[in-house]
Amino acid sequence: MIKKMDAYRKKIIFRSNHRGIKEMDLILGNYAKNNVERMNDKELKMFDDLIDIPDPELYEWFSNRGTAYIPNKFKDLVNDILLKIVK
């Protein structure tokens, strides 16, 4: 089971770094690199669901803070990413 989770984490980190839009590679890739190892199963699944969302929509969420509609399911995660990339 541990090897399966390690592979899943590596897959998420890879997908976060190879999005297609460089800005999203930087935002999600850096967040994944610094946080995925500490995430529990529920948090990993939520992040995996987030990175399934198309880049243009995600870019809108991260670049238009406060004006873009973000589904409630993702609000806490998006806010956490924003807080950690601003540091």
PDB file of N, CA and C in Angstrom:
ATOM      1  N   MET A   1       0.820  -1.201   0.000  1.00  0.00           N
ATOM      2  CA  MET A   1       0.000   0.000   0.000  1.00  0.00           C
ATOM      3  C   MET A   1       0.862   1.263   0.000  1.00  0.00           C
ATOM      4  N   ILE A   2       1.964   1.239   0.744  1.00  0.00           N
ATOM      5  CA  ILE A   2       2.856   2.398   0.803  1.00  0.00           C
ATOM      6  C   ILE A   2       3.444   2.675  -0.573  1.00  0.00           C
ATOM      7  N   LYS A   3       3.870   1.642  -1.286  1.00  0.00           N
ATOM      8  CA  LYS A   3       4.433   1.846  -2.625  1.00  0.00           C
ATOM      9  C   LYS A   3       3.390   2.426  -3.566  1.00  0.00           C
ATOM     10  N   LYS A   4       2.147   1.984  -3.412  1.00  0.00           N
ATOM     11  CA  LYS A   4       1.063   2.501  -4.244  1.00  0.00           C
ATOM     12  C   LYS A   4       0.851   3.997  -3.983  1.00  0.00           C
ATOM     13  N   MET A   5       0.876   4.394  -2.709  1.00  0.00           N
ATOM     14  CA  MET A   5       0.702   5.808  -2.362  1.00  0.00           C
ATOM     15  C   MET A   5       1.894   6.635  -2.831  1.00  0.00           C
ATOM     16  N   ASP A   6       3.103   6.093  -2.732  1.00  0.00           N
ATOM     17  CA  ASP A   6       4.284   6.807  -3.229  1.00  0.00           C
ATOM     18  C   ASP A   6       4.167   7.054  -4.728  1.00  0.00           C
ATOM     19  N   ALA A   7       3.714   6.061  -5.461  1.00  0.00           N
ATOM     20  CA  ALA A   7       3.531   6.211  -6.906  1.00  0.00           C
ATOM     21  C   ALA A   7       2.446   7.249  -7.209  1.00  0.00           C
ATOM     22  N   TYR A   8       1.384   7.230  -6.428  1.00  0.00           N
ATOM     23  CA  TYR A   8       0.291   8.192  -6.598  1.00  0.00           C
ATOM     24  C   TYR A   8       0.800   9.611  -6.343  1.00  0.00           C
ATOM     25  N   ARG A   9       1.583   9.800  -5.294  1.00  0.00           N
ATOM     26  CA  ARG A   9       2.153  11.114  -4.988  1.00  0.00           C
ATOM     27  C   ARG A   9       3.070  11.586  -6.121  1.00  0.00           C
ATOM     28  N   LYS A  10       3.907  10.707  -6.622  1.00  0.00           N
ATOM     29  CA  LYS A  10       4.810  11.068  -7.726  1.00  0.00           C
ATOM     30  C   LYS A  10       4.023  11.459  -8.962  1.00  0.00           C
ATOM     31  N   LYS A  11       2.955  10.740  -9.226  1.00  0.00           N
ATOM     32  CA  LYS A  11       2.096  11.046 -10.380  1.00  0.00           C
ATOM     33  C   LYS A  11       1.486  12.444 -10.234  1.00  0.00           C
ATOM     34  N   ILE A  12       0.999  12.753  -9.036  1.00  0.00           N
ATOM     35  CA  ILE A  12       0.401  14.069  -8.788  1.00  0.00           C
ATOM     36  C   ILE A  12       1.444  15.174  -8.956  1.00  0.00           C
ATOM     37  N   ILE A  13       2.626  14.966  -8.425  1.00  0.00           N
ATOM     38  CA  ILE A  13       3.693  15.970  -8.557  1.00  0.00           C
ATOM     39  C   ILE A  13       4.046  16.161 -10.031  1.00  0.00           C
ATOM     40  N   PHE A  14       4.178  15.073 -10.778  1.00  0.00           N
ATOM     41  CA  PHE A  14       4.493  15.175 -12.204  1.00  0.00           C
ATOM     42  C   PHE A  14       3.400  15.946 -12.946  1.00  0.00           C
ATOM     43  N   ARG A  15       2.140  15.572 -12.729  1.00  0.00           N
ATOM     44  CA  ARG A  15       1.027  16.238 -13.413  1.00  0.00           C
ATOM     45  C   ARG A  15       0.944  17.718 -13.050  1.00  0.00           C
ATOM     46  N   SER A  16       1.307  18.050 -11.819  1.00  0.00           N
ATOM     47  CA  SER A  16       1.273  19.445 -11.377  1.00  0.00           C
ATOM     48  C   SER A  16       2.343  20.283 -12.056  1.00  0.00           C
ATOM     49  N   ASN A  17       3.441  19.659 -12.440  1.00  0.00           N
ATOM     50  CA  ASN A  17       4.554  20.357 -13.084  1.00  0.00           C
ATOM     51  C   ASN A  17       4.462  20.384 -14.604  1.00  0.00           C
ATOM     52  N   HIS A  18       3.551  19.638 -15.184  1.00  0.00           N
ATOM     53  CA  HIS A  18       3.442  19.524 -16.647  1.00  0.00           C
ATOM     54  C   HIS A  18       2.005  19.800 -17.075  1.00  0.00           C
ATOM     55  N   ARG A  19       1.582  21.021 -16.868  1.00  0.00           N
ATOM     56  CA  ARG A  19       0.200  21.412 -17.103  1.00  0.00           C
ATOM     57  C   ARG A  19      -0.039  21.904 -18.527  1.00  0.00           C
ATOM     58  N   GLY A  20       0.895  22.635 -19.071  1.00  0.00           N
ATOM     59  CA  GLY A  20       0.696  23.232 -20.387  1.00  0.00           C
ATOM     60  C   GLY A  20       0.822  24.741 -20.341  1.00  0.00           C
ATOM     61  N   ILE A  21       0.363  25.360 -19.284  1.00  0.00           N
ATOM     62  CA  ILE A  21       0.539  26.800 -19.081  1.00  0.00           C
ATOM     63  C   ILE A  21       1.617  26.964 -18.012  1.00  0.00           C
ATOM     64  N   LYS A  22       2.676  27.642 -18.364  1.00  0.00           N
ATOM     65  CA  LYS A  22       3.836  27.751 -17.468  1.00  0.00           C
ATOM     66  C   LYS A  22       3.466  28.306 -16.094  1.00  0.00           C
ATOM     67  N   GLU A  23       2.589  29.294 -16.062  1.00  0.00           N
ATOM     68  CA  GLU A  23       2.189  29.867 -14.781  1.00  0.00           C
ATOM     69  C   GLU A  23       1.557  28.809 -13.869  1.00  0.00           C
ATOM     70  N   MET A  24       0.734  27.949 -14.459  1.00  0.00           N
ATOM     71  CA  MET A  24       0.099  26.896 -13.660  1.00  0.00           C
ATOM     72  C   MET A  24       1.112  25.822 -13.264  1.00  0.00           C
ATOM     73  N   ASP A  25       2.096  25.558 -14.132  1.00  0.00           N
ATOM     74  CA  ASP A  25       3.187  24.646 -13.759  1.00  0.00           C
ATOM     75  C   ASP A  25       3.886  25.158 -12.512  1.00  0.00           C
ATOM     76  N   LEU A  26       4.174  26.449 -12.495  1.00  0.00           N
ATOM     77  CA  LEU A  26       4.886  27.043 -11.358  1.00  0.00           C
ATOM     78  C   LEU A  26       4.041  27.030 -10.084  1.00  0.00           C
ATOM     79  N   ILE A  27       2.797  27.446 -10.204  1.00  0.00           N
ATOM     80  CA  ILE A  27       1.929  27.515  -9.027  1.00  0.00           C
ATOM     81  C   ILE A  27       1.663  26.121  -8.462  1.00  0.00           C
ATOM     82  N   LEU A  28       1.119  25.250  -9.296  1.00  0.00           N
ATOM     83  CA  LEU A  28       0.728  23.934  -8.806  1.00  0.00           C
ATOM     84  C   LEU A  28       1.937  23.018  -8.586  1.00  0.00           C
ATOM     85  N   GLY A  29       2.934  23.152  -9.441  1.00  0.00           N
ATOM     86  CA  GLY A  29       4.131  22.326  -9.291  1.00  0.00           C
ATOM     87  C   GLY A  29       4.875  22.612  -8.009  1.00  0.00           C
ATOM     88  N   ASN A  30       5.068  23.879  -7.703  1.00  0.00           N
ATOM     89  CA  ASN A  30       5.746  24.245  -6.455  1.00  0.00           C
ATOM     90  C   ASN A  30       4.926  23.842  -5.240  1.00  0.00           C
ATOM     91  N   TYR A  31       3.631  24.048  -5.306  1.00  0.00           N
ATOM     92  CA  TYR A  31       2.774  23.646  -4.189  1.00  0.00           C
ATOM     93  C   TYR A  31       2.847  22.135  -3.982  1.00  0.00           C
ATOM     94  N   ALA A  32       2.747  21.383  -5.055  1.00  0.00           N
ATOM     95  CA  ALA A  32       2.797  19.921  -4.950  1.00  0.00           C
ATOM     96  C   ALA A  32       4.133  19.459  -4.379  1.00  0.00           C
ATOM     97  N   LYS A  33       5.206  20.016  -4.905  1.00  0.00           N
ATOM     98  CA  LYS A  33       6.544  19.621  -4.450  1.00  0.00           C
ATOM     99  C   LYS A  33       6.711  19.847  -2.951  1.00  0.00           C
ATOM    100  N   ASN A  34       6.146  20.921  -2.440  1.00  0.00           N
ATOM    101  CA  ASN A  34       6.322  21.277  -1.038  1.00  0.00           C
ATOM    102  C   ASN A  34       5.267  20.699  -0.092  1.00  0.00           C
ATOM    103  N   ASN A  35       4.170  20.148  -0.623  1.00  0.00           N
ATOM    104  CA  ASN A  35       3.070  19.743   0.253  1.00  0.00           C
ATOM    105  C   ASN A  35       2.544  18.323   0.078  1.00  0.00           C
ATOM    106  N   VAL A  36       2.723  17.736  -1.078  1.00  0.00           N
ATOM    107  CA  VAL A  36       2.119  16.433  -1.352  1.00  0.00           C
ATOM    108  C   VAL A  36       2.572  15.347  -0.373  1.00  0.00           C
ATOM    109  N   GLU A  37       3.818  15.360   0.015  1.00  0.00           N
ATOM    110  CA  GLU A  37       4.325  14.322   0.920  1.00  0.00           C
ATOM    111  C   GLU A  37       3.621  14.335   2.275  1.00  0.00           C
ATOM    112  N   ARG A  38       3.119  15.483   2.687  1.00  0.00           N
ATOM    113  CA  ARG A  38       2.462  15.604   3.991  1.00  0.00           C
ATOM    114  C   ARG A  38       0.943  15.423   3.919  1.00  0.00           C
ATOM    115  N   MET A  39       0.389  15.318   2.724  1.00  0.00           N
ATOM    116  CA  MET A  39      -1.062  15.225   2.581  1.00  0.00           C
ATOM    117  C   MET A  39      -1.573  13.834   2.945  1.00  0.00           C
ATOM    118  N   ASN A  40      -2.759  13.821   3.566  1.00  0.00           N
ATOM    119  CA  ASN A  40      -3.413  12.539   3.824  1.00  0.00           C
ATOM    120  C   ASN A  40      -4.197  12.121   2.576  1.00  0.00           C
ATOM    121  N   ASP A  41      -4.841  10.977   2.621  1.00  0.00           N
ATOM    122  CA  ASP A  41      -5.555  10.451   1.451  1.00  0.00           C
ATOM    123  C   ASP A  41      -6.629  11.403   0.937  1.00  0.00           C
ATOM    124  N   LYS A  42      -7.389  11.987   1.854  1.00  0.00           N
ATOM    125  CA  LYS A  42      -8.471  12.907   1.471  1.00  0.00           C
ATOM    126  C   LYS A  42      -7.910  14.162   0.797  1.00  0.00           C
ATOM    127  N   GLU A  43      -6.848  14.702   1.356  1.00  0.00           N
ATOM    128  CA  GLU A  43      -6.226  15.904   0.785  1.00  0.00           C
ATOM    129  C   GLU A  43      -5.614  15.609  -0.582  1.00  0.00           C
ATOM    130  N   LEU A  44      -4.997  14.430  -0.717  1.00  0.00           N
ATOM    131  CA  LEU A  44      -4.428  14.042  -2.021  1.00  0.00           C
ATOM    132  C   LEU A  44      -5.517  13.947  -3.077  1.00  0.00           C
ATOM    133  N   LYS A  45      -6.633  13.332  -2.719  1.00  0.00           N
ATOM    134  CA  LYS A  45      -7.743  13.184  -3.661  1.00  0.00           C
ATOM    135  C   LYS A  45      -8.278  14.560  -4.074  1.00  0.00           C
ATOM    136  N   MET A  46      -8.395  15.462  -3.121  1.00  0.00           N
ATOM    137  CA  MET A  46      -8.881  16.812  -3.419  1.00  0.00           C
ATOM    138  C   MET A  46      -7.917  17.529  -4.370  1.00  0.00           C
ATOM    139  N   PHE A  47      -6.618  17.428  -4.097  1.00  0.00           N
ATOM    140  CA  PHE A  47      -5.637  18.062  -4.967  1.00  0.00           C
ATOM    141  C   PHE A  47      -5.650  17.416  -6.350  1.00  0.00           C
ATOM    142  N   ASP A  48      -5.790  16.101  -6.400  1.00  0.00           N
ATOM    143  CA  ASP A  48      -5.879  15.389  -7.675  1.00  0.00           C
ATOM    144  C   ASP A  48      -7.099  15.870  -8.464  1.00  0.00           C
ATOM    145  N   ASP A  49      -8.214  16.049  -7.785  1.00  0.00           N
ATOM    146  CA  ASP A  49      -9.422  16.575  -8.451  1.00  0.00           C
ATOM    147  C   ASP A  49      -9.173  17.989  -8.971  1.00  0.00           C
ATOM    148  N   LEU A  50      -8.457  18.793  -8.192  1.00  0.00           N
ATOM    149  CA  LEU A  50      -8.155  20.166  -8.607  1.00  0.00           C
ATOM    150  C   LEU A  50      -7.314  20.187  -9.880  1.00  0.00           C
ATOM    151  N   ILE A  51      -6.299  19.317  -9.947  1.00  0.00           N
ATOM    152  CA  ILE A  51      -5.431  19.361 -11.123  1.00  0.00           C
ATOM    153  C   ILE A  51      -6.073  18.741 -12.363  1.00  0.00           C
ATOM    154  N   ASP A  52      -7.271  18.185 -12.205  1.00  0.00           N
ATOM    155  CA  ASP A  52      -8.039  17.726 -13.367  1.00  0.00           C
ATOM    156  C   ASP A  52      -8.774  18.875 -14.053  1.00  0.00           C
ATOM    157  N   ILE A  53      -8.873  19.999 -13.379  1.00  0.00           N
ATOM    158  CA  ILE A  53      -9.585  21.158 -13.922  1.00  0.00           C
ATOM    159  C   ILE A  53      -8.703  21.812 -14.995  1.00  0.00           C
ATOM    160  N   PRO A  54      -9.284  22.217 -16.114  1.00  0.00           N
ATOM    161  CA  PRO A  54      -8.499  22.823 -17.198  1.00  0.00           C
ATOM    162  C   PRO A  54      -7.747  24.082 -16.748  1.00  0.00           C
ATOM    163  N   ASP A  55      -6.560  24.267 -17.316  1.00  0.00           N
ATOM    164  CA  ASP A  55      -5.696  25.390 -16.973  1.00  0.00           C
ATOM    165  C   ASP A  55      -6.370  26.760 -17.063  1.00  0.00           C
ATOM    166  N   PRO A  56      -7.114  27.054 -18.138  1.00  0.00           N
ATOM    167  CA  PRO A  56      -7.717  28.394 -18.208  1.00  0.00           C
ATOM    168  C   PRO A  56      -8.623  28.701 -17.010  1.00  0.00           C
ATOM    169  N   GLU A  57      -9.373  27.714 -16.565  1.00  0.00           N
ATOM    170  CA  GLU A  57     -10.254  27.921 -15.419  1.00  0.00           C
ATOM    171  C   GLU A  57      -9.436  28.110 -14.140  1.00  0.00           C
ATOM    172  N   LEU A  58      -8.432  27.258 -13.937  1.00  0.00           N
ATOM    173  CA  LEU A  58      -7.573  27.403 -12.761  1.00  0.00           C
ATOM    174  C   LEU A  58      -6.829  28.733 -12.771  1.00  0.00           C
ATOM    175  N   TYR A  59      -6.347  29.123 -13.924  1.00  0.00           N
ATOM    176  CA  TYR A  59      -5.625  30.396 -14.025  1.00  0.00           C
ATOM    177  C   TYR A  59      -6.521  31.555 -13.594  1.00  0.00           C
ATOM    178  N   GLU A  60      -7.773  31.481 -13.986  1.00  0.00           N
ATOM    179  CA  GLU A  60      -8.757  32.497 -13.580  1.00  0.00           C
ATOM    180  C   GLU A  60      -8.891  32.527 -12.060  1.00  0.00           C
ATOM    181  N   TRP A  61      -8.941  31.359 -11.442  1.00  0.00           N
ATOM    182  CA  TRP A  61      -9.084  31.293  -9.985  1.00  0.00           C
ATOM    183  C   TRP A  61      -7.892  31.924  -9.278  1.00  0.00           C
ATOM    184  N   PHE A  62      -6.692  31.651  -9.793  1.00  0.00           N
ATOM    185  CA  PHE A  62      -5.488  32.109  -9.111  1.00  0.00           C
ATOM    186  C   PHE A  62      -5.089  33.539  -9.471  1.00  0.00           C
ATOM    187  N   SER A  63      -5.494  34.015 -10.631  1.00  0.00           N
ATOM    188  CA  SER A  63      -5.086  35.362 -11.028  1.00  0.00           C
ATOM    189  C   SER A  63      -6.117  36.431 -10.686  1.00  0.00           C
ATOM    190  N   ASN A  64      -7.355  36.050 -10.532  1.00  0.00           N
ATOM    191  CA  ASN A  64      -8.415  37.025 -10.222  1.00  0.00           C
ATOM    192  C   ASN A  64      -8.964  36.777  -8.826  1.00  0.00           C
ATOM    193  N   ARG A  65      -8.097  36.857  -7.872  1.00  0.00           N
ATOM    194  CA  ARG A  65      -8.475  36.600  -6.477  1.00  0.00           C
ATOM    195  C   ARG A  65      -9.688  37.432  -6.091  1.00  0.00           C
ATOM    196  N   GLY A  66     -10.679  36.733  -5.580  1.00  0.00           N
ATOM    197  CA  GLY A  66     -11.864  37.430  -5.103  1.00  0.00           C
ATOM    198  C   GLY A  66     -12.927  37.681  -6.151  1.00  0.00           C
ATOM    199  N   THR A  67     -12.590  37.629  -7.435  1.00  0.00           N
ATOM    200  CA  THR A  67     -13.591  37.899  -8.460  1.00  0.00           C
ATOM    201  C   THR A  67     -14.014  36.658  -9.232  1.00  0.00           C
ATOM    202  N   ALA A  68     -13.198  35.625  -9.239  1.00  0.00           N
ATOM    203  CA  ALA A  68     -13.538  34.395  -9.962  1.00  0.00           C
ATOM    204  C   ALA A  68     -14.400  33.500  -9.081  1.00  0.00           C
ATOM    205  N   TYR A  69     -15.327  32.802  -9.709  1.00  0.00           N
ATOM    206  CA  TYR A  69     -16.148  31.850  -8.968  1.00  0.00           C
ATOM    207  C   TYR A  69     -15.338  30.578  -8.752  1.00  0.00           C
ATOM    208  N   ILE A  70     -15.176  30.198  -7.497  1.00  0.00           N
ATOM    209  CA  ILE A  70     -14.488  28.962  -7.136  1.00  0.00           C
ATOM    210  C   ILE A  70     -15.496  28.084  -6.403  1.00  0.00           C
ATOM    211  N   PRO A  71     -15.729  26.865  -6.881  1.00  0.00           N
ATOM    212  CA  PRO A  71     -16.671  25.978  -6.183  1.00  0.00           C
ATOM    213  C   PRO A  71     -16.263  25.783  -4.721  1.00  0.00           C
ATOM    214  N   ASN A  72     -17.253  25.691  -3.857  1.00  0.00           N
ATOM    215  CA  ASN A  72     -16.995  25.534  -2.426  1.00  0.00           C
ATOM    216  C   ASN A  72     -16.054  24.376  -2.128  1.00  0.00           C
ATOM    217  N   LYS A  73     -16.166  23.317  -2.891  1.00  0.00           N
ATOM    218  CA  LYS A  73     -15.325  22.131  -2.693  1.00  0.00           C
ATOM    219  C   LYS A  73     -13.837  22.482  -2.713  1.00  0.00           C
ATOM    220  N   PHE A  74     -13.461  23.471  -3.521  1.00  0.00           N
ATOM    221  CA  PHE A  74     -12.049  23.801  -3.726  1.00  0.00           C
ATOM    222  C   PHE A  74     -11.582  25.079  -3.027  1.00  0.00           C
ATOM    223  N   LYS A  75     -12.482  25.823  -2.418  1.00  0.00           N
ATOM    224  CA  LYS A  75     -12.108  27.130  -1.858  1.00  0.00           C
ATOM    225  C   LYS A  75     -10.979  27.051  -0.850  1.00  0.00           C
ATOM    226  N   ASP A  76     -11.050  26.125   0.097  1.00  0.00           N
ATOM    227  CA  ASP A  76     -10.001  26.029   1.112  1.00  0.00           C
ATOM    228  C   ASP A  76      -8.655  25.665   0.496  1.00  0.00           C
ATOM    229  N   LEU A  77      -8.670  24.746  -0.443  1.00  0.00           N
ATOM    230  CA  LEU A  77      -7.422  24.333  -1.094  1.00  0.00           C
ATOM    231  C   LEU A  77      -6.831  25.478  -1.916  1.00  0.00           C
ATOM    232  N   VAL A  78      -7.649  26.158  -2.674  1.00  0.00           N
ATOM    233  CA  VAL A  78      -7.170  27.293  -3.473  1.00  0.00           C
ATOM    234  C   VAL A  78      -6.599  28.376  -2.562  1.00  0.00           C
ATOM    235  N   ASN A  79      -7.285  28.672  -1.470  1.00  0.00           N
ATOM    236  CA  ASN A  79      -6.771  29.670  -0.523  1.00  0.00           C
ATOM    237  C   ASN A  79      -5.442  29.233   0.081  1.00  0.00           C
ATOM    238  N   ASP A  80      -5.310  27.946   0.401  1.00  0.00           N
ATOM    239  CA  ASP A  80      -4.048  27.432   0.940  1.00  0.00           C
ATOM    240  C   ASP A  80      -2.925  27.580  -0.081  1.00  0.00           C
ATOM    241  N   ILE A  81      -3.215  27.257  -1.333  1.00  0.00           N
ATOM    242  CA  ILE A  81      -2.205  27.398  -2.388  1.00  0.00           C
ATOM    243  C   ILE A  81      -1.808  28.861  -2.524  1.00  0.00           C
ATOM    244  N   LEU A  82      -2.794  29.759  -2.558  1.00  0.00           N
ATOM    245  CA  LEU A  82      -2.498  31.188  -2.677  1.00  0.00           C
ATOM    246  C   LEU A  82      -1.642  31.687  -1.517  1.00  0.00           C
ATOM    247  N   LEU A  83      -1.958  31.260  -0.320  1.00  0.00           N
ATOM    248  CA  LEU A  83      -1.178  31.683   0.849  1.00  0.00           C
ATOM    249  C   LEU A  83       0.263  31.188   0.766  1.00  0.00           C
ATOM    250  N   LYS A  84       0.426  29.972   0.306  1.00  0.00           N
ATOM    251  CA  LYS A  84       1.768  29.394   0.289  1.00  0.00           C
ATOM    252  C   LYS A  84       2.619  29.861  -0.884  1.00  0.00           C
ATOM    253  N   ILE A  85       1.991  30.284  -1.979  1.00  0.00           N
ATOM    254  CA  ILE A  85       2.814  30.765  -3.096  1.00  0.00           C
ATOM    255  C   ILE A  85       3.184  32.233  -2.934  1.00  0.00           C
ATOM    256  N   VAL A  86       2.466  32.922  -2.075  1.00  0.00           N
ATOM    257  CA  VAL A  86       2.767  34.332  -1.837  1.00  0.00           C
ATOM    258  C   VAL A  86       3.999  34.474  -0.949  1.00  0.00           C
ATOM    259  N   LYS A  87       4.249  33.475  -0.103  1.00  0.00           N
ATOM    260  CA  LYS A  87       5.394  33.533   0.829  1.00  0.00           C
ATOM    261  C   LYS A  87       6.714  33.718   0.134  1.00  0.00           C
TER     262      LYS A  87
END
